[in-house]
Amino acid sequence: MRTRLDETTIQKMHDYEASDLSPRQKMALRLADKLAFEHTTVDSPFVARLREHFSEDELVDLGMSIAFLLGWGRFIEAFGVLPDAWQDEGPMPWEPRGEA
């Protein structure tokens, strides 16, 4: 089942390990972090932990989605592309919001 991300969930992702996100969500975010920052540490024990939460098809979909988004991010940074929706001044979508 797919659900929409709400602002509360997005903010939890900034410190997902300490959040109340589900173990499955945390594993997906761990994979994203590893692929983004330390892809050579994706070893057999880590893959075994992933398989506790995801089927083979889900792992392929998740990995390809993460890889696409990482590549897209590098492309827009390299070419200075900023989506129109982000042209206005204000916080960027990836910045944590301050406490209200």
PDB file of N, CA and C in Angstrom:
ATOM      1  N   MET A   1       0.839  -1.176   0.000  1.00  0.00           N
ATOM      2  CA  MET A   1       0.000   0.000   0.000  1.00  0.00           C
ATOM      3  C   MET A   1       0.888   1.246   0.000  1.00  0.00           C
ATOM      4  N   ARG A   2       0.599   2.150  -0.856  1.00  0.00           N
ATOM      5  CA  ARG A   2       1.354   3.398  -0.920  1.00  0.00           C
ATOM      6  C   ARG A   2       0.590   4.478  -0.173  1.00  0.00           C
ATOM      7  N   THR A   3       1.332   5.278   0.547  1.00  0.00           N
ATOM      8  CA  THR A   3       0.746   6.409   1.240  1.00  0.00           C
ATOM      9  C   THR A   3       1.506   7.658   0.844  1.00  0.00           C
ATOM     10  N   ARG A   4       0.860   8.769   0.986  1.00  0.00           N
ATOM     11  CA  ARG A   4       1.507  10.041   0.677  1.00  0.00           C
ATOM     12  C   ARG A   4       2.384  10.464   1.845  1.00  0.00           C
ATOM     13  N   LEU A   5       3.473  11.119   1.529  1.00  0.00           N
ATOM     14  CA  LEU A   5       4.317  11.678   2.576  1.00  0.00           C
ATOM     15  C   LEU A   5       3.697  12.980   3.059  1.00  0.00           C
ATOM     16  N   ASP A   6       3.594  13.110   4.366  1.00  0.00           N
ATOM     17  CA  ASP A   6       3.147  14.384   4.916  1.00  0.00           C
ATOM     18  C   ASP A   6       4.353  15.084   5.541  1.00  0.00           C
ATOM     19  N   GLU A   7       4.196  16.327   5.903  1.00  0.00           N
ATOM     20  CA  GLU A   7       5.301  17.126   6.423  1.00  0.00           C
ATOM     21  C   GLU A   7       5.885  16.515   7.699  1.00  0.00           C
ATOM     22  N   THR A   8       5.042  15.952   8.538  1.00  0.00           N
ATOM     23  CA  THR A   8       5.525  15.335   9.774  1.00  0.00           C
ATOM     24  C   THR A   8       6.477  14.189   9.472  1.00  0.00           C
ATOM     25  N   THR A   9       6.121  13.336   8.530  1.00  0.00           N
ATOM     26  CA  THR A   9       6.975  12.208   8.165  1.00  0.00           C
ATOM     27  C   THR A   9       8.279  12.703   7.544  1.00  0.00           C
ATOM     28  N   ILE A  10       8.200  13.699   6.703  1.00  0.00           N
ATOM     29  CA  ILE A  10       9.404  14.250   6.071  1.00  0.00           C
ATOM     30  C   ILE A  10      10.358  14.776   7.131  1.00  0.00           C
ATOM     31  N   GLN A  11       9.839  15.473   8.131  1.00  0.00           N
ATOM     32  CA  GLN A  11      10.696  16.000   9.190  1.00  0.00           C
ATOM     33  C   GLN A  11      11.334  14.882  10.018  1.00  0.00           C
ATOM     34  N   LYS A  12      10.625  13.780  10.212  1.00  0.00           N
ATOM     35  CA  LYS A  12      11.184  12.635  10.941  1.00  0.00           C
ATOM     36  C   LYS A  12      12.378  12.039  10.203  1.00  0.00           C
ATOM     37  N   MET A  13      12.419  12.193   8.906  1.00  0.00           N
ATOM     38  CA  MET A  13      13.484  11.600   8.103  1.00  0.00           C
ATOM     39  C   MET A  13      14.840  12.272   8.355  1.00  0.00           C
ATOM     40  N   HIS A  14      14.840  13.486   8.909  1.00  0.00           N
ATOM     41  CA  HIS A  14      16.102  14.172   9.195  1.00  0.00           C
ATOM     42  C   HIS A  14      16.890  13.448  10.288  1.00  0.00           C
ATOM     43  N   ASP A  15      16.197  12.790  11.214  1.00  0.00           N
ATOM     44  CA  ASP A  15      16.843  11.984  12.252  1.00  0.00           C
ATOM     45  C   ASP A  15      16.053  10.688  12.371  1.00  0.00           C
ATOM     46  N   TYR A  16      16.031   9.930  11.283  1.00  0.00           N
ATOM     47  CA  TYR A  16      15.150   8.769  11.216  1.00  0.00           C
ATOM     48  C   TYR A  16      15.478   7.690  12.231  1.00  0.00           C
ATOM     49  N   GLU A  17      16.755   7.543  12.603  1.00  0.00           N
ATOM     50  CA  GLU A  17      17.110   6.493  13.558  1.00  0.00           C
ATOM     51  C   GLU A  17      16.444   6.727  14.914  1.00  0.00           C
ATOM     52  N   ALA A  18      16.284   7.976  15.307  1.00  0.00           N
ATOM     53  CA  ALA A  18      15.668   8.300  16.598  1.00  0.00           C
ATOM     54  C   ALA A  18      14.156   8.489  16.490  1.00  0.00           C
ATOM     55  N   SER A  19      13.614   8.360  15.291  1.00  0.00           N
ATOM     56  CA  SER A  19      12.195   8.619  15.067  1.00  0.00           C
ATOM     57  C   SER A  19      11.346   7.384  15.353  1.00  0.00           C
ATOM     58  N   ASP A  20      10.038   7.572  15.215  1.00  0.00           N
ATOM     59  CA  ASP A  20       9.109   6.453  15.366  1.00  0.00           C
ATOM     60  C   ASP A  20       8.696   5.868  14.015  1.00  0.00           C
ATOM     61  N   LEU A  21       9.508   6.104  12.989  1.00  0.00           N
ATOM     62  CA  LEU A  21       9.250   5.464  11.703  1.00  0.00           C
ATOM     63  C   LEU A  21       9.349   3.955  11.878  1.00  0.00           C
ATOM     64  N   SER A  22       8.701   3.225  10.993  1.00  0.00           N
ATOM     65  CA  SER A  22       8.705   1.764  11.099  1.00  0.00           C
ATOM     66  C   SER A  22      10.099   1.200  10.806  1.00  0.00           C
ATOM     67  N   PRO A  23      10.386  -0.012  11.296  1.00  0.00           N
ATOM     68  CA  PRO A  23      11.669  -0.644  10.974  1.00  0.00           C
ATOM     69  C   PRO A  23      11.904  -0.760   9.466  1.00  0.00           C
ATOM     70  N   ARG A  24      10.857  -1.019   8.709  1.00  0.00           N
ATOM     71  CA  ARG A  24      10.971  -1.109   7.241  1.00  0.00           C
ATOM     72  C   ARG A  24      11.363   0.237   6.649  1.00  0.00           C
ATOM     73  N   GLN A  25      10.728   1.307   7.104  1.00  0.00           N
ATOM     74  CA  GLN A  25      11.067   2.641   6.604  1.00  0.00           C
ATOM     75  C   GLN A  25      12.514   2.994   6.954  1.00  0.00           C
ATOM     76  N   LYS A  26      12.922   2.653   8.170  1.00  0.00           N
ATOM     77  CA  LYS A  26      14.297   2.947   8.580  1.00  0.00           C
ATOM     78  C   LYS A  26      15.306   2.168   7.734  1.00  0.00           C
ATOM     79  N   MET A  27      14.997   0.918   7.400  1.00  0.00           N
ATOM     80  CA  MET A  27      15.913   0.144   6.549  1.00  0.00           C
ATOM     81  C   MET A  27      16.021   0.768   5.162  1.00  0.00           C
ATOM     82  N   ALA A  28      14.907   1.242   4.619  1.00  0.00           N
ATOM     83  CA  ALA A  28      14.944   1.900   3.311  1.00  0.00           C
ATOM     84  C   ALA A  28      15.820   3.155   3.378  1.00  0.00           C
ATOM     85  N   LEU A  29      15.709   3.910   4.449  1.00  0.00           N
ATOM     86  CA  LEU A  29      16.513   5.122   4.599  1.00  0.00           C
ATOM     87  C   LEU A  29      17.987   4.785   4.842  1.00  0.00           C
ATOM     88  N   ARG A  30      18.252   3.701   5.560  1.00  0.00           N
ATOM     89  CA  ARG A  30      19.645   3.258   5.732  1.00  0.00           C
ATOM     90  C   ARG A  30      20.262   2.908   4.379  1.00  0.00           C
ATOM     91  N   LEU A  31      19.489   2.217   3.544  1.00  0.00           N
ATOM     92  CA  LEU A  31      19.993   1.884   2.209  1.00  0.00           C
ATOM     93  C   LEU A  31      20.268   3.150   1.416  1.00  0.00           C
ATOM     94  N   ALA A  32      19.362   4.106   1.466  1.00  0.00           N
ATOM     95  CA  ALA A  32      19.571   5.368   0.744  1.00  0.00           C
ATOM     96  C   ALA A  32      20.839   6.059   1.229  1.00  0.00           C
ATOM     97  N   ASP A  33      21.038   6.105   2.547  1.00  0.00           N
ATOM     98  CA  ASP A  33      22.250   6.721   3.085  1.00  0.00           C
ATOM     99  C   ASP A  33      23.498   5.982   2.626  1.00  0.00           C
ATOM    100  N   LYS A  34      23.463   4.659   2.683  1.00  0.00           N
ATOM    101  CA  LYS A  34      24.634   3.886   2.265  1.00  0.00           C
ATOM    102  C   LYS A  34      24.938   4.102   0.779  1.00  0.00           C
ATOM    103  N   LEU A  35      23.910   4.080  -0.061  1.00  0.00           N
ATOM    104  CA  LEU A  35      24.148   4.280  -1.490  1.00  0.00           C
ATOM    105  C   LEU A  35      24.641   5.691  -1.780  1.00  0.00           C
ATOM    106  N   ALA A  36      24.210   6.659  -0.997  1.00  0.00           N
ATOM    107  CA  ALA A  36      24.623   8.040  -1.222  1.00  0.00           C
ATOM    108  C   ALA A  36      26.016   8.333  -0.698  1.00  0.00           C
ATOM    109  N   PHE A  37      26.374   7.752   0.448  1.00  0.00           N
ATOM    110  CA  PHE A  37      27.595   8.184   1.126  1.00  0.00           C
ATOM    111  C   PHE A  37      28.656   7.111   1.307  1.00  0.00           C
ATOM    112  N   GLU A  38      28.269   5.838   1.294  1.00  0.00           N
ATOM    113  CA  GLU A  38      29.252   4.784   1.547  1.00  0.00           C
ATOM    114  C   GLU A  38      28.831   3.476   0.876  1.00  0.00           C
ATOM    115  N   HIS A  39      28.626   3.534  -0.427  1.00  0.00           N
ATOM    116  CA  HIS A  39      28.083   2.387  -1.159  1.00  0.00           C
ATOM    117  C   HIS A  39      28.945   1.133  -1.050  1.00  0.00           C
ATOM    118  N   THR A  40      30.230   1.286  -0.783  1.00  0.00           N
ATOM    119  CA  THR A  40      31.090   0.108  -0.675  1.00  0.00           C
ATOM    120  C   THR A  40      30.848  -0.668   0.613  1.00  0.00           C
ATOM    121  N   THR A  41      30.045  -0.127   1.523  1.00  0.00           N
ATOM    122  CA  THR A  41      29.753  -0.832   2.777  1.00  0.00           C
ATOM    123  C   THR A  41      28.457  -1.633   2.698  1.00  0.00           C
ATOM    124  N   VAL A  42      27.855  -1.704   1.522  1.00  0.00           N
ATOM    125  CA  VAL A  42      26.675  -2.559   1.355  1.00  0.00           C
ATOM    126  C   VAL A  42      27.201  -3.984   1.212  1.00  0.00           C
ATOM    127  N   ASP A  43      27.258  -4.683   2.345  1.00  0.00           N
ATOM    128  CA  ASP A  43      27.832  -6.020   2.375  1.00  0.00           C
ATOM    129  C   ASP A  43      26.748  -7.077   2.609  1.00  0.00           C
ATOM    130  N   SER A  44      27.151  -8.323   2.650  1.00  0.00           N
ATOM    131  CA  SER A  44      26.196  -9.431   2.808  1.00  0.00           C
ATOM    132  C   SER A  44      25.340  -9.317   4.066  1.00  0.00           C
ATOM    133  N   PRO A  45      25.915  -8.989   5.227  1.00  0.00           N
ATOM    134  CA  PRO A  45      25.054  -8.847   6.405  1.00  0.00           C
ATOM    135  C   PRO A  45      23.999  -7.740   6.255  1.00  0.00           C
ATOM    136  N   PHE A  46      24.387  -6.632   5.625  1.00  0.00           N
ATOM    137  CA  PHE A  46      23.419  -5.547   5.418  1.00  0.00           C
ATOM    138  C   PHE A  46      22.320  -5.987   4.451  1.00  0.00           C
ATOM    139  N   VAL A  47      22.696  -6.664   3.378  1.00  0.00           N
ATOM    140  CA  VAL A  47      21.703  -7.149   2.418  1.00  0.00           C
ATOM    141  C   VAL A  47      20.771  -8.154   3.089  1.00  0.00           C
ATOM    142  N   ALA A  48      21.301  -8.986   3.966  1.00  0.00           N
ATOM    143  CA  ALA A  48      20.453  -9.940   4.696  1.00  0.00           C
ATOM    144  C   ALA A  48      19.434  -9.202   5.560  1.00  0.00           C
ATOM    145  N   ARG A  49      19.854  -8.120   6.192  1.00  0.00           N
ATOM    146  CA  ARG A  49      18.912  -7.311   6.983  1.00  0.00           C
ATOM    147  C   ARG A  49      17.858  -6.670   6.085  1.00  0.00           C
ATOM    148  N   LEU A  50      18.259  -6.220   4.907  1.00  0.00           N
ATOM    149  CA  LEU A  50      17.287  -5.660   3.964  1.00  0.00           C
ATOM    150  C   LEU A  50      16.245  -6.707   3.581  1.00  0.00           C
ATOM    151  N   ARG A  51      16.703  -7.935   3.366  1.00  0.00           N
ATOM    152  CA  ARG A  51      15.802  -9.010   2.934  1.00  0.00           C
ATOM    153  C   ARG A  51      14.800  -9.404   4.020  1.00  0.00           C
ATOM    154  N   GLU A  52      15.050  -9.007   5.253  1.00  0.00           N
ATOM    155  CA  GLU A  52      14.074  -9.241   6.315  1.00  0.00           C
ATOM    156  C   GLU A  52      12.847  -8.338   6.140  1.00  0.00           C
ATOM    157  N   HIS A  53      13.015  -7.252   5.383  1.00  0.00           N
ATOM    158  CA  HIS A  53      11.953  -6.254   5.231  1.00  0.00           C
ATOM    159  C   HIS A  53      11.406  -6.144   3.811  1.00  0.00           C
ATOM    160  N   PHE A  54      12.193  -6.573   2.831  1.00  0.00           N
ATOM    161  CA  PHE A  54      11.819  -6.374   1.435  1.00  0.00           C
ATOM    162  C   PHE A  54      11.999  -7.662   0.632  1.00  0.00           C
ATOM    163  N   SER A  55      11.092  -7.872  -0.331  1.00  0.00           N
ATOM    164  CA  SER A  55      11.252  -8.979  -1.270  1.00  0.00           C
ATOM    165  C   SER A  55      12.338  -8.611  -2.278  1.00  0.00           C
ATOM    166  N   GLU A  56      12.751  -9.576  -3.077  1.00  0.00           N
ATOM    167  CA  GLU A  56      13.763  -9.297  -4.111  1.00  0.00           C
ATOM    168  C   GLU A  56      13.273  -8.215  -5.078  1.00  0.00           C
ATOM    169  N   ASP A  57      12.017  -8.328  -5.511  1.00  0.00           N
ATOM    170  CA  ASP A  57      11.465  -7.317  -6.422  1.00  0.00           C
ATOM    171  C   ASP A  57      11.431  -5.940  -5.769  1.00  0.00           C
ATOM    172  N   GLU A  58      11.050  -5.892  -4.498  1.00  0.00           N
ATOM    173  CA  GLU A  58      11.019  -4.606  -3.795  1.00  0.00           C
ATOM    174  C   GLU A  58      12.420  -4.022  -3.657  1.00  0.00           C
ATOM    175  N   LEU A  59      13.414  -4.864  -3.405  1.00  0.00           N
ATOM    176  CA  LEU A  59      14.793  -4.379  -3.303  1.00  0.00           C
ATOM    177  C   LEU A  59      15.290  -3.795  -4.619  1.00  0.00           C
ATOM    178  N   VAL A  60      14.949  -4.458  -5.711  1.00  0.00           N
ATOM    179  CA  VAL A  60      15.342  -3.926  -7.020  1.00  0.00           C
ATOM    180  C   VAL A  60      14.665  -2.582  -7.261  1.00  0.00           C
ATOM    181  N   ASP A  61      13.362  -2.500  -7.006  1.00  0.00           N
ATOM    182  CA  ASP A  61      12.640  -1.235  -7.191  1.00  0.00           C
ATOM    183  C   ASP A  61      13.197  -0.137  -6.292  1.00  0.00           C
ATOM    184  N   LEU A  62      13.426  -0.471  -5.033  1.00  0.00           N
ATOM    185  CA  LEU A  62      13.939   0.511  -4.084  1.00  0.00           C
ATOM    186  C   LEU A  62      15.338   0.970  -4.489  1.00  0.00           C
ATOM    187  N   GLY A  63      16.210   0.027  -4.783  1.00  0.00           N
ATOM    188  CA  GLY A  63      17.578   0.375  -5.173  1.00  0.00           C
ATOM    189  C   GLY A  63      17.631   1.212  -6.438  1.00  0.00           C
ATOM    190  N   MET A  64      16.822   0.847  -7.425  1.00  0.00           N
ATOM    191  CA  MET A  64      16.816   1.613  -8.678  1.00  0.00           C
ATOM    192  C   MET A  64      16.237   3.013  -8.463  1.00  0.00           C
ATOM    193  N   SER A  65      15.224   3.121  -7.626  1.00  0.00           N
ATOM    194  CA  SER A  65      14.639   4.438  -7.333  1.00  0.00           C
ATOM    195  C   SER A  65      15.649   5.330  -6.632  1.00  0.00           C
ATOM    196  N   ILE A  66      16.324   4.775  -5.640  1.00  0.00           N
ATOM    197  CA  ILE A  66      17.345   5.550  -4.927  1.00  0.00           C
ATOM    198  C   ILE A  66      18.456   5.966  -5.889  1.00  0.00           C
ATOM    199  N   ALA A  67      18.933   5.028  -6.699  1.00  0.00           N
ATOM    200  CA  ALA A  67      20.018   5.332  -7.644  1.00  0.00           C
ATOM    201  C   ALA A  67      19.595   6.419  -8.634  1.00  0.00           C
ATOM    202  N   PHE A  68      18.360   6.350  -9.126  1.00  0.00           N
ATOM    203  CA  PHE A  68      17.882   7.372 -10.053  1.00  0.00           C
ATOM    204  C   PHE A  68      17.871   8.738  -9.380  1.00  0.00           C
ATOM    205  N   LEU A  69      17.320   8.802  -8.169  1.00  0.00           N
ATOM    206  CA  LEU A  69      17.225  10.096  -7.481  1.00  0.00           C
ATOM    207  C   LEU A  69      18.603  10.654  -7.137  1.00  0.00           C
ATOM    208  N   LEU A  70      19.529   9.784  -6.743  1.00  0.00           N
ATOM    209  CA  LEU A  70      20.893  10.256  -6.479  1.00  0.00           C
ATOM    210  C   LEU A  70      21.530  10.798  -7.752  1.00  0.00           C
ATOM    211  N   GLY A  71      21.359  10.088  -8.856  1.00  0.00           N
ATOM    212  CA  GLY A  71      21.908  10.549 -10.129  1.00  0.00           C
ATOM    213  C   GLY A  71      21.271  11.837 -10.592  1.00  0.00           C
ATOM    214  N   TRP A  72      19.963  11.943 -10.416  1.00  0.00           N
ATOM    215  CA  TRP A  72      19.254  13.174 -10.790  1.00  0.00           C
ATOM    216  C   TRP A  72      19.781  14.335  -9.967  1.00  0.00           C
ATOM    217  N   GLY A  73      19.986  14.106  -8.667  1.00  0.00           N
ATOM    218  CA  GLY A  73      20.510  15.162  -7.803  1.00  0.00           C
ATOM    219  C   GLY A  73      21.884  15.632  -8.240  1.00  0.00           C
ATOM    220  N   ARG A  74      22.733  14.687  -8.614  1.00  0.00           N
ATOM    221  CA  ARG A  74      24.077  15.064  -9.077  1.00  0.00           C
ATOM    222  C   ARG A  74      24.009  15.821 -10.393  1.00  0.00           C
ATOM    223  N   PHE A  75      23.110  15.403 -11.264  1.00  0.00           N
ATOM    224  CA  PHE A  75      22.953  16.086 -12.551  1.00  0.00           C
ATOM    225  C   PHE A  75      22.517  17.534 -12.350  1.00  0.00           C
ATOM    226  N   ILE A  76      21.466  17.755 -11.542  1.00  0.00           N
ATOM    227  CA  ILE A  76      20.981  19.132 -11.393  1.00  0.00           C
ATOM    228  C   ILE A  76      22.004  20.008 -10.680  1.00  0.00           C
ATOM    229  N   GLU A  77      22.795  19.416  -9.769  1.00  0.00           N
ATOM    230  CA  GLU A  77      23.858  20.197  -9.139  1.00  0.00           C
ATOM    231  C   GLU A  77      24.950  20.541 -10.148  1.00  0.00           C
ATOM    232  N   ALA A  78      25.343  19.563 -10.958  1.00  0.00           N
ATOM    233  CA  ALA A  78      26.424  19.785 -11.924  1.00  0.00           C
ATOM    234  C   ALA A  78      26.055  20.853 -12.945  1.00  0.00           C
ATOM    235  N   PHE A  79      24.791  20.891 -13.351  1.00  0.00           N
ATOM    236  CA  PHE A  79      24.365  21.824 -14.389  1.00  0.00           C
ATOM    237  C   PHE A  79      23.645  23.050 -13.837  1.00  0.00           C
ATOM    238  N   GLY A  80      23.538  23.156 -12.520  1.00  0.00           N
ATOM    239  CA  GLY A  80      22.913  24.320 -11.907  1.00  0.00           C
ATOM    240  C   GLY A  80      21.426  24.419 -12.192  1.00  0.00           C
ATOM    241  N   VAL A  81      20.767  23.292 -12.381  1.00  0.00           N
ATOM    242  CA  VAL A  81      19.332  23.280 -12.661  1.00  0.00           C
ATOM    243  C   VAL A  81      18.583  23.376 -11.335  1.00  0.00           C
ATOM    244  N   LEU A  82      17.675  24.324 -11.247  1.00  0.00           N
ATOM    245  CA  LEU A  82      16.845  24.469 -10.064  1.00  0.00           C
ATOM    246  C   LEU A  82      15.392  24.437 -10.515  1.00  0.00           C
ATOM    247  N   PRO A  83      14.630  23.435 -10.060  1.00  0.00           N
ATOM    248  CA  PRO A  83      13.225  23.363 -10.483  1.00  0.00           C
ATOM    249  C   PRO A  83      12.479  24.658 -10.197  1.00  0.00           C
ATOM    250  N   ASP A  84      11.543  25.008 -11.079  1.00  0.00           N
ATOM    251  CA  ASP A  84      10.782  26.248 -10.936  1.00  0.00           C
ATOM    252  C   ASP A  84      10.149  26.386  -9.560  1.00  0.00           C
ATOM    253  N   ALA A  85       9.661  25.285  -9.011  1.00  0.00           N
ATOM    254  CA  ALA A  85       8.980  25.335  -7.721  1.00  0.00           C
ATOM    255  C   ALA A  85       9.920  25.759  -6.595  1.00  0.00           C
ATOM    256  N   TRP A  86      11.237  25.656  -6.807  1.00  0.00           N
ATOM    257  CA  TRP A  86      12.196  26.006  -5.772  1.00  0.00           C
ATOM    258  C   TRP A  86      12.816  27.389  -5.995  1.00  0.00           C
ATOM    259  N   GLN A  87      12.346  28.111  -6.993  1.00  0.00           N
ATOM    260  CA  GLN A  87      12.933  29.400  -7.330  1.00  0.00           C
ATOM    261  C   GLN A  87      12.608  30.486  -6.305  1.00  0.00           C
ATOM    262  N   ASP A  88      11.461  30.361  -5.643  1.00  0.00           N
ATOM    263  CA  ASP A  88      11.075  31.368  -4.658  1.00  0.00           C
ATOM    264  C   ASP A  88      12.006  31.315  -3.454  1.00  0.00           C
ATOM    265  N   GLU A  89      12.145  32.440  -2.800  1.00  0.00           N
ATOM    266  CA  GLU A  89      12.969  32.448  -1.598  1.00  0.00           C
ATOM    267  C   GLU A  89      12.273  31.672  -0.501  1.00  0.00           C
ATOM    268  N   GLY A  90      13.026  31.210   0.440  1.00  0.00           N
ATOM    269  CA  GLY A  90      12.485  30.425   1.531  1.00  0.00           C
ATOM    270  C   GLY A  90      13.272  29.160   1.700  1.00  0.00           C
ATOM    271  N   PRO A  91      12.902  28.359   2.686  1.00  0.00           N
ATOM    272  CA  PRO A  91      13.677  27.136   2.929  1.00  0.00           C
ATOM    273  C   PRO A  91      13.536  26.149   1.778  1.00  0.00           C
ATOM    274  N   MET A  92      14.617  25.479   1.494  1.00  0.00           N
ATOM    275  CA  MET A  92      14.583  24.432   0.489  1.00  0.00           C
ATOM    276  C   MET A  92      13.884  23.219   1.106  1.00  0.00           C
ATOM    277  N   PRO A  93      13.272  22.359   0.293  1.00  0.00           N
ATOM    278  CA  PRO A  93      12.508  21.221   0.806  1.00  0.00           C
ATOM    279  C   PRO A  93      13.328  20.284   1.680  1.00  0.00           C
ATOM    280  N   TRP A  94      14.636  20.227   1.488  1.00  0.00           N
ATOM    281  CA  TRP A  94      15.454  19.284   2.247  1.00  0.00           C
ATOM    282  C   TRP A  94      15.943  19.848   3.578  1.00  0.00           C
ATOM    283  N   GLU A  95      15.687  21.132   3.837  1.00  0.00           N
ATOM    284  CA  GLU A  95      16.145  21.724   5.089  1.00  0.00           C
ATOM    285  C   GLU A  95      15.155  21.437   6.211  1.00  0.00           C
ATOM    286  N   PRO A  96      15.656  21.045   7.396  1.00  0.00           N
ATOM    287  CA  PRO A  96      14.732  20.839   8.514  1.00  0.00           C
ATOM    288  C   PRO A  96      14.055  22.146   8.893  1.00  0.00           C
ATOM    289  N   ARG A  97      12.829  22.065   9.281  1.00  0.00           N
ATOM    290  CA  ARG A  97      12.126  23.255   9.740  1.00  0.00           C
ATOM    291  C   ARG A  97      12.457  23.492  11.193  1.00  0.00           C
ATOM    292  N   GLY A  98      12.526  24.761  11.561  1.00  0.00           N
ATOM    293  CA  GLY A  98      12.797  25.120  12.952  1.00  0.00           C
ATOM    294  C   GLY A  98      11.590  24.808  13.810  1.00  0.00           C
ATOM    295  N   GLU A  99      11.841  24.756  15.100  1.00  0.00           N
ATOM    296  CA  GLU A  99      10.732  24.524  16.042  1.00  0.00           C
ATOM    297  C   GLU A  99       9.828  25.741  16.039  1.00  0.00           C
ATOM    298  N   ALA A 100       8.530  25.466  16.035  1.00  0.00           N
ATOM    299  CA  ALA A 100       7.556  26.573  16.024  1.00  0.00           C
ATOM    300  C   ALA A 100       7.295  27.060  17.417  1.00  0.00           C
TER     301      ALA A 100
END
